[in-house]
Amino acid sequence: MEEPHSPHNNITPELPIDIINSEILPRLPAKSAVRFKCVCKQWLSFLSTQEFATMHYCRAAASRKLLYVDKRSPSIRTIDCESPNHGSTTINHVPFEAHPSDVVVLASLDGLVCLCLKKTCELVIWNPLTRAYKKLPNSKSQGFFKVDYDTVGFYVDSSNDYKILHIKLRRGTIGAYIYSRRLDTWRNIKFLKKRQRMYNYKWSSVIFSGGSLYFTVEEWCRGGETMVIGFDVNSEKFKEIRYPDVPRVDGDSFYANLVDVENRLHMFVSYGFLDWTIDLWRMEEEKWVKVAAFTGIENMQFSMTPIYVMRNGKWLVTCDWSTIVYEIDIKKKECICIDTKTNDYMCVHPGSWFHDIRVTYVESNVSPNL
């Protein structure tokens, strides 16, 4: 007969595999989930599925990083958006054959980042955590991507298919093309009929909000036409949206940047010359509603770009033409400059008005390949 306190009586019962898969593994840090693929074949199989990637991403989505290309090093780096003063981390291993200075960051979604390789004009979908990547095919109709003219949107549709919208601008003519990760092919779609030809317009980087992609589109000339172009990812229809009513004094320019807040589209608008003003607008039922206004911000230089809304409710905002970083408190209507002397992440290269070189992303196990 065994002793009452025999070690054999203290053996912990084996946990059911469904509890491990649904409650334990999805709680792992993203880097640990990658390493744990080596534990056994069963874990390798499950941790490589889209099901796990989706479960894990939903739990990790609150922790975002800022990814950018530092043109001085040059290198690709990340910053913790909740702790911007803690410095940057360099991504040492880029799996595709490209120098960091040749990389342009275009968009991100669910831990995947869409890049352009300038020398070859190729588009790449890359997971910075797992290092997996996929170079997208180029059909004859879709052509190559040109950094100074084109723009992209990255989204997932109602069938959970990851897709890329490529807006192609050639000699004033606009073409629109969609890439499907599931089908690994491009196809042409119709753009707005009255906007088939648009000369001398610049397109912003994309915002994915409320099931639609949004771009600001501005005419290059001073006081030129401005608009927001929206794209419903399920109906695949474009629409044109007017800017908010922004005052212009003696034809002075203003600067507008879109941002998603809690799955609702917002716009940061800065205007003035010596005395800059920032207005925050929110889209409600196809109309812009002003949420807040800020004046008298010290050291402000030209356009302010919202990067991230922190857990404490403050906005992390940068100036496009300087290293200044602000925290904006919407409730208190305060805007303060944070210490960036030990931070080198706001190195903006001269061509950044064509494409924003900074994107926020969440570390995930989502694969660029099926």
Protein backbone atom coordinates (compact mmCIF):
# COMPACT_ATOMS: atom_id res chain seq x y z
CA MET A 1 0.00 0.00 0.00
CA GLU A 2 1.29 3.47 -0.87
CA GLU A 3 1.98 6.02 1.81
CA PRO A 4 -0.69 8.75 2.11
CA HIS A 5 1.81 11.44 1.14
CA SER A 6 3.61 9.49 -1.54
CA PRO A 7 5.01 11.64 -4.38
CA HIS A 8 2.86 9.59 -6.76
CA ASN A 9 -0.25 11.15 -5.24
CA ASN A 10 0.94 14.69 -5.95
CA ILE A 11 1.16 14.36 -9.71
CA THR A 12 -0.74 17.19 -11.40
CA PRO A 13 -3.48 15.97 -13.73
CA GLU A 14 -2.80 16.54 -17.42
CA LEU A 15 -4.58 19.58 -18.84
CA PRO A 16 -6.97 18.96 -21.74
CA ILE A 17 -5.49 20.05 -25.05
CA ASP A 18 -8.46 22.34 -25.82
CA ILE A 19 -7.77 24.31 -22.60
CA ILE A 20 -4.12 24.67 -23.56
CA ASN A 21 -5.02 25.81 -27.08
CA SER A 22 -7.80 28.22 -26.17
CA GLU A 23 -6.79 29.62 -22.78
CA ILE A 24 -3.03 29.26 -22.31
CA LEU A 25 -1.18 29.54 -25.61
CA PRO A 26 -3.07 32.65 -26.84
CA ARG A 27 -1.93 34.47 -23.67
CA LEU A 28 1.76 34.00 -24.48
CA PRO A 29 3.84 37.00 -25.55
CA ALA A 30 4.21 36.98 -29.33
CA LYS A 31 7.94 36.16 -29.22
CA SER A 32 7.33 33.24 -26.84
CA ALA A 33 4.65 31.84 -29.13
CA VAL A 34 7.21 31.75 -31.95
CA ARG A 35 9.78 29.95 -29.78
CA PHE A 36 7.24 27.44 -28.43
CA LYS A 37 6.74 26.03 -31.91
CA CYS A 38 9.82 23.96 -31.12
CA VAL A 39 8.20 22.21 -28.11
CA CYS A 40 6.45 19.48 -30.07
CA LYS A 41 4.84 18.76 -33.45
CA GLN A 42 1.34 19.27 -32.04
CA TRP A 43 2.19 22.78 -30.84
CA LEU A 44 4.02 23.57 -34.07
CA SER A 45 0.90 22.62 -36.01
CA PHE A 46 -1.51 24.64 -33.84
CA LEU A 47 0.71 27.72 -33.41
CA SER A 48 1.05 27.92 -37.20
CA THR A 49 -2.70 28.08 -37.87
CA GLN A 50 -4.71 31.16 -38.80
CA GLU A 51 -7.06 30.27 -35.91
CA PHE A 52 -4.29 30.74 -33.36
CA ALA A 53 -2.97 33.88 -35.07
CA THR A 54 -6.42 35.46 -34.82
CA MET A 55 -6.93 34.49 -31.15
CA HIS A 56 -3.47 35.73 -30.21
CA TYR A 57 -3.81 39.01 -32.08
CA CYS A 58 -7.12 39.83 -30.35
CA ARG A 59 -5.37 39.54 -26.96
CA ALA A 60 -2.25 41.44 -28.02
CA ALA A 61 -3.92 44.29 -29.93
CA ALA A 62 -3.65 46.73 -27.01
CA SER A 63 0.17 46.81 -27.22
CA ARG A 64 1.33 48.71 -30.27
CA LYS A 65 4.74 49.57 -31.64
CA LEU A 66 5.88 52.30 -33.99
CA LEU A 67 7.89 50.95 -36.93
CA TYR A 68 9.99 53.30 -39.05
CA VAL A 69 13.05 53.47 -41.24
CA ASP A 70 15.89 55.48 -39.71
CA LYS A 71 17.59 56.97 -42.78
CA ARG A 72 20.71 58.00 -40.88
CA SER A 73 21.82 54.52 -39.78
CA PRO A 74 20.18 53.30 -41.99
CA SER A 75 18.11 50.72 -40.11
CA ILE A 76 14.56 49.60 -39.42
CA ARG A 77 13.52 50.33 -35.84
CA THR A 78 10.58 50.04 -33.46
CA ILE A 79 9.35 52.08 -30.48
CA ASP A 80 6.86 51.09 -27.77
CA CYS A 81 4.00 53.55 -28.26
CA GLU A 82 3.12 53.47 -24.55
CA SER A 83 6.72 54.30 -23.53
CA PRO A 84 8.21 56.48 -26.29
CA ASN A 85 10.96 57.81 -24.00
CA HIS A 86 12.45 54.35 -23.48
CA GLY A 87 14.27 54.42 -26.81
CA SER A 88 14.18 52.33 -29.95
CA THR A 89 14.95 48.72 -30.85
CA THR A 90 16.69 47.83 -34.10
CA ILE A 91 15.38 44.99 -36.28
CA ASN A 92 18.69 43.35 -37.15
CA HIS A 93 17.57 40.68 -39.58
CA VAL A 94 15.66 41.68 -42.71
CA PRO A 95 14.92 38.42 -44.57
CA PHE A 96 14.32 39.86 -48.04
CA GLU A 97 17.24 41.06 -50.15
CA ALA A 98 17.13 44.81 -49.59
CA HIS A 99 19.17 47.41 -47.76
CA PRO A 100 17.13 49.33 -45.12
CA SER A 101 17.67 52.55 -47.09
CA ASP A 102 15.86 50.90 -50.01
CA VAL A 103 12.76 50.14 -47.92
CA VAL A 104 9.66 52.35 -47.78
CA VAL A 105 7.05 51.49 -45.13
CA LEU A 106 3.55 51.93 -46.54
CA ALA A 107 0.89 50.37 -44.28
CA SER A 108 0.30 47.76 -41.57
CA LEU A 109 -2.48 45.45 -40.42
CA ASP A 110 -2.69 42.68 -37.80
CA GLY A 111 1.08 42.48 -37.35
CA LEU A 112 1.80 42.47 -41.10
CA VAL A 113 3.59 45.40 -42.75
CA CYS A 114 3.35 46.36 -46.42
CA LEU A 115 6.64 47.64 -47.85
CA CYS A 116 7.96 48.86 -51.16
CA LEU A 117 11.49 48.04 -52.33
CA LYS A 118 12.50 51.17 -54.22
CA LYS A 119 15.14 49.65 -56.52
CA THR A 120 12.86 46.93 -57.89
CA CYS A 121 9.49 48.70 -57.28
CA GLU A 122 8.23 45.49 -55.65
CA LEU A 123 5.57 45.31 -52.96
CA VAL A 124 6.27 43.04 -49.98
CA ILE A 125 4.11 41.83 -47.09
CA TRP A 126 6.31 41.20 -44.06
CA ASN A 127 5.85 40.02 -40.47
CA PRO A 128 8.68 41.69 -38.49
CA LEU A 129 8.30 39.23 -35.59
CA THR A 130 8.34 35.90 -37.43
CA ARG A 131 10.43 37.35 -40.32
CA ALA A 132 8.13 35.63 -42.80
CA TYR A 133 7.53 37.66 -45.96
CA LYS A 134 5.93 37.47 -49.37
CA LYS A 135 6.78 39.43 -52.51
CA LEU A 136 3.60 40.21 -54.39
CA PRO A 137 3.26 39.25 -58.04
CA ASN A 138 2.98 41.99 -60.65
CA SER A 139 0.47 41.48 -63.42
CA LYS A 140 0.82 43.41 -66.68
CA SER A 141 -2.28 45.49 -65.93
CA GLN A 142 -1.24 46.28 -62.35
CA GLY A 143 2.31 47.28 -63.22
CA PHE A 144 5.01 48.25 -60.75
CA PHE A 145 4.66 50.42 -57.67
CA LYS A 146 6.17 53.92 -57.89
CA VAL A 147 6.86 55.49 -54.50
CA ASP A 148 6.54 59.10 -55.65
CA TYR A 149 3.13 58.58 -57.28
CA ASP A 150 1.25 55.55 -55.95
CA THR A 151 -0.30 54.63 -52.62
CA VAL A 152 -1.73 51.49 -51.03
CA GLY A 153 -4.36 50.38 -48.53
CA PHE A 154 -4.07 47.21 -46.44
CA TYR A 155 -7.26 45.54 -45.18
CA VAL A 156 -9.13 42.34 -44.39
CA ASP A 157 -12.60 41.82 -45.87
CA SER A 158 -15.69 40.05 -44.48
CA SER A 159 -14.36 36.68 -45.68
CA ASN A 160 -11.13 37.19 -43.67
CA ASP A 161 -9.04 37.53 -46.81
CA TYR A 162 -6.10 39.93 -46.47
CA LYS A 163 -6.01 42.34 -49.40
CA ILE A 164 -3.98 45.23 -50.80
CA LEU A 165 -5.58 48.15 -52.63
CA HIS A 166 -3.11 49.74 -55.07
CA ILE A 167 -3.94 53.25 -56.30
CA LYS A 168 -1.80 53.72 -59.40
CA LEU A 169 -1.23 57.24 -60.77
CA ARG A 170 0.19 57.53 -64.27
CA ARG A 171 0.10 60.73 -66.36
CA GLY A 172 -2.94 61.98 -64.49
CA THR A 173 -4.90 58.74 -64.99
CA ILE A 174 -5.95 56.74 -61.93
CA GLY A 175 -6.08 52.96 -61.84
CA ALA A 176 -7.29 50.87 -58.90
CA TYR A 177 -6.20 47.27 -58.32
CA ILE A 178 -6.81 44.71 -55.56
CA TYR A 179 -4.47 41.93 -54.50
CA SER A 180 -5.91 38.88 -52.68
CA ARG A 181 -3.65 36.87 -50.37
CA ARG A 182 -6.00 33.90 -50.72
CA LEU A 183 -5.91 33.90 -54.53
CA ASP A 184 -2.44 35.41 -54.90
CA THR A 185 -3.64 37.49 -57.85
CA TRP A 186 -4.41 41.10 -58.80
CA ARG A 187 -7.58 42.39 -60.43
CA ASN A 188 -8.71 45.77 -61.71
CA ILE A 189 -11.70 47.64 -60.18
CA LYS A 190 -13.49 50.84 -61.15
CA PHE A 191 -12.51 54.17 -59.64
CA LEU A 192 -14.81 57.18 -59.27
CA LYS A 193 -16.18 58.02 -62.71
CA LYS A 194 -15.79 61.80 -62.34
CA ARG A 195 -12.25 61.41 -61.00
CA GLN A 196 -10.68 59.23 -63.67
CA ARG A 197 -8.05 61.86 -64.40
CA MET A 198 -6.36 63.85 -61.60
CA TYR A 199 -3.23 65.85 -62.41
CA ASN A 200 -0.88 67.20 -59.72
CA TYR A 201 -2.57 65.63 -56.71
CA LYS A 202 -0.78 64.00 -53.78
CA TRP A 203 -2.25 61.09 -51.85
CA SER A 204 -1.63 60.45 -48.16
CA SER A 205 -0.82 57.17 -46.49
CA VAL A 206 -3.89 55.10 -45.64
CA ILE A 207 -6.15 54.83 -42.59
CA PHE A 208 -8.33 51.73 -42.07
CA SER A 209 -11.38 52.65 -39.98
CA GLY A 210 -14.89 51.23 -39.62
CA GLY A 211 -14.63 48.85 -42.56
CA SER A 212 -13.28 51.43 -45.00
CA LEU A 213 -9.94 52.75 -46.21
CA TYR A 214 -9.42 56.52 -46.26
CA PHE A 215 -6.89 58.79 -47.96
CA THR A 216 -6.49 62.56 -48.00
CA VAL A 217 -6.01 63.86 -51.55
CA GLU A 218 -4.70 67.38 -52.11
CA GLU A 219 -3.85 69.41 -55.18
CA TRP A 220 -0.21 70.48 -55.23
CA CYS A 221 -0.87 74.16 -55.95
CA ARG A 222 -1.41 76.61 -53.09
CA GLY A 223 -5.07 76.87 -52.15
CA GLY A 224 -5.85 73.90 -54.40
CA GLU A 225 -8.62 71.34 -54.16
CA THR A 226 -8.77 68.98 -51.17
CA MET A 227 -10.85 65.88 -50.48
CA VAL A 228 -10.98 62.57 -48.65
CA ILE A 229 -11.33 59.42 -50.77
CA GLY A 230 -13.03 56.51 -49.00
CA PHE A 231 -13.11 52.87 -50.09
CA ASP A 232 -15.61 50.37 -48.64
CA VAL A 233 -13.67 47.10 -48.40
CA ASN A 234 -16.73 44.86 -48.76
CA SER A 235 -18.69 46.62 -51.53
CA GLU A 236 -15.40 47.73 -53.18
CA LYS A 237 -16.91 51.12 -53.96
CA PHE A 238 -15.15 54.47 -53.72
CA LYS A 239 -16.66 57.70 -52.42
CA GLU A 240 -15.56 61.31 -52.17
CA ILE A 241 -15.85 63.18 -48.86
CA ARG A 242 -15.43 66.91 -48.36
CA TYR A 243 -12.93 68.30 -45.87
CA PRO A 244 -14.24 70.03 -42.74
CA ASP A 245 -14.82 73.76 -43.03
CA VAL A 246 -11.33 75.02 -42.20
CA PRO A 247 -10.73 78.79 -42.22
CA ARG A 248 -8.09 80.05 -44.63
CA VAL A 249 -6.48 83.39 -43.87
CA ASP A 250 -5.08 85.17 -46.94
CA GLY A 251 -4.80 81.84 -48.77
CA ASP A 252 -2.57 80.24 -46.10
CA SER A 253 -2.19 76.49 -46.34
CA PHE A 254 -3.51 74.02 -43.82
CA TYR A 255 -2.43 70.46 -43.09
CA ALA A 256 -4.79 67.54 -42.55
CA ASN A 257 -4.04 64.03 -41.27
CA LEU A 258 -6.48 61.17 -40.74
CA VAL A 259 -6.43 58.86 -37.72
CA ASP A 260 -8.59 56.01 -36.44
CA VAL A 261 -9.81 56.26 -32.83
CA GLU A 262 -11.88 53.37 -31.47
CA ASN A 263 -12.82 52.38 -35.02
CA ARG A 264 -14.06 55.90 -35.86
CA LEU A 265 -12.50 58.22 -38.42
CA HIS A 266 -10.93 61.45 -37.11
CA MET A 267 -8.99 64.27 -38.77
CA PHE A 268 -6.23 66.45 -37.29
CA VAL A 269 -6.21 69.83 -39.04
CA SER A 270 -3.48 72.42 -38.38
CA TYR A 271 -3.55 75.90 -39.87
CA GLY A 272 -2.24 79.44 -39.44
CA PHE A 273 1.24 80.83 -39.92
CA LEU A 274 2.82 82.27 -36.78
CA ASP A 275 -0.08 81.40 -34.48
CA TRP A 276 -0.89 77.78 -35.26
CA THR A 277 -4.25 76.22 -34.45
CA ILE A 278 -5.08 72.52 -34.34
CA ASP A 279 -8.66 71.27 -34.76
CA LEU A 280 -9.72 67.68 -34.11
CA TRP A 281 -12.71 66.54 -36.17
CA ARG A 282 -14.70 63.28 -36.05
CA MET A 283 -16.80 61.77 -38.83
CA GLU A 284 -20.39 61.22 -37.66
CA GLU A 285 -23.10 60.10 -40.11
CA GLU A 286 -21.17 61.37 -43.15
CA LYS A 287 -20.56 64.78 -41.51
CA TRP A 288 -17.52 66.25 -39.77
CA VAL A 289 -18.04 67.31 -36.14
CA LYS A 290 -15.38 69.35 -34.32
CA VAL A 291 -14.27 67.57 -31.14
CA ALA A 292 -11.58 69.92 -29.81
CA ALA A 293 -9.34 72.87 -30.73
CA PHE A 294 -5.84 73.81 -29.56
CA THR A 295 -4.00 77.12 -29.93
CA GLY A 296 -0.73 78.60 -28.76
CA ILE A 297 1.33 75.43 -29.01
CA GLU A 298 5.00 76.19 -28.49
CA ASN A 299 7.61 75.09 -31.06
CA MET A 300 4.99 73.80 -33.44
CA GLN A 301 6.27 73.40 -37.00
CA PHE A 302 3.90 72.88 -39.91
CA SER A 303 1.90 69.68 -40.07
CA MET A 304 1.19 67.61 -36.98
CA THR A 305 0.64 63.88 -37.50
CA PRO A 306 -1.22 61.81 -34.90
CA ILE A 307 0.51 58.47 -34.39
CA TYR A 308 -1.28 56.73 -31.55
CA VAL A 309 -3.85 57.13 -28.77
CA MET A 310 -2.28 55.93 -25.53
CA ARG A 311 -4.08 53.91 -22.85
CA ASN A 312 -4.25 56.98 -20.62
CA GLY A 313 -6.24 58.76 -23.32
CA LYS A 314 -3.42 61.04 -24.45
CA TRP A 315 -2.47 61.38 -28.10
CA LEU A 316 1.06 60.77 -29.31
CA VAL A 317 1.62 63.34 -32.08
CA THR A 318 4.66 64.28 -34.17
CA CYS A 319 5.65 67.22 -36.32
CA ASP A 320 6.50 66.06 -39.82
CA TRP A 321 9.45 68.40 -40.24
CA SER A 322 11.15 68.14 -36.85
CA THR A 323 12.05 65.76 -34.05
CA ILE A 324 9.45 67.26 -31.71
CA VAL A 325 6.95 64.84 -30.17
CA TYR A 326 3.86 65.93 -28.25
CA GLU A 327 1.39 64.36 -25.87
CA ILE A 328 -2.04 65.90 -26.27
CA ASP A 329 -4.61 65.53 -23.48
CA ILE A 330 -8.01 65.92 -25.12
CA LYS A 331 -9.95 66.23 -21.84
CA LYS A 332 -7.68 68.86 -20.30
CA LYS A 333 -6.98 70.47 -23.69
CA GLU A 334 -3.27 70.45 -22.94
CA CYS A 335 -0.41 69.86 -25.33
CA ILE A 336 3.04 69.27 -23.89
CA CYS A 337 6.37 68.40 -25.48
CA ILE A 338 7.89 65.14 -24.23
CA ASP A 339 11.62 64.53 -23.83
CA THR A 340 13.10 63.02 -26.99
CA LYS A 341 16.76 63.87 -26.45
CA THR A 342 17.62 60.21 -25.98
CA ASN A 343 15.28 59.18 -28.76
CA ASP A 344 16.30 59.07 -32.41
CA TYR A 345 13.14 57.72 -33.93
CA MET A 346 11.81 60.85 -35.60
CA CYS A 347 14.34 60.97 -38.44
CA VAL A 348 12.20 61.93 -41.45
CA HIS A 349 13.74 61.72 -44.89
CA PRO A 350 13.08 64.51 -47.45
CA GLY A 351 10.60 62.51 -49.53
CA SER A 352 8.26 61.70 -46.67
CA TRP A 353 5.51 63.98 -47.96
CA PHE A 354 4.79 61.34 -50.61
CA HIS A 355 4.44 58.48 -48.14
CA ASP A 356 4.46 58.36 -44.36
CA ILE A 357 7.47 56.29 -43.30
CA ARG A 358 5.99 55.49 -39.87
CA VAL A 359 3.32 52.92 -39.10
CA THR A 360 2.07 51.40 -35.87
CA TYR A 361 1.68 47.65 -35.63
CA VAL A 362 1.10 44.84 -33.13
CA GLU A 363 3.45 41.88 -32.87
CA SER A 364 1.53 38.81 -34.05
CA ASN A 365 1.90 35.39 -35.62
CA VAL A 366 -0.24 36.21 -38.65
CA SER A 367 1.46 34.85 -41.76
CA PRO A 368 1.84 36.77 -45.04
CA ASN A 369 1.38 33.39 -46.75
CA LEU A 370 -1.57 31.01 -46.62
